């Protein structure tokens, strides 16, 4: 008789215009410095000299490798042209798929956009990691929270993107799984 792995994930909810990823990046760095292995990916925006965004990369937390997932548009920014490179999402999801084999101490997925809301993009990779019982943090923008809840059955703890909340979740997880 097989048993289902325990869900050891949290949804890190952020407000789009107030999103400060620094808390998450610092949290991951401190865990790494403490000897924990971190897998998954985060997004990094690059800007030109005037501060305008030029592109967004997906950054592999285990290797530091970058995959450009959002390329510069030829249209003015107010045209709202989608510049997501859907083909690059296959490469961007590699760190999540690798986590299923490597089983790091924590997996982070910072990508729940329009593609994932529709069940495409990295949605399957994120859900596979969670279903495997790996400790996982998924960043979800507040406007997409209802869709995320639909996809996950609303069974995943929700925490704000703040250092105290991240550390509280981690300590509770560690305490529950001492053995």
Foldseek 3Di string as FASTA:
>chain_A
DDDFADQQEEEAEDAPVPDDCVLVVVVLVVCVVVVFAEFEWAKDWDADPVRHTAFIWIATPRPRDTFTQFHGDPDPVVVVDGRGDLVSLVVSLVRLVVCLVVVTQEYEYEDDDPQLLVVHRNVVSQVVSSRSNHYYYYYDYPVSVVSVCVSVVVPHHYDYSHNVRVVVSVVVSCVVPDD
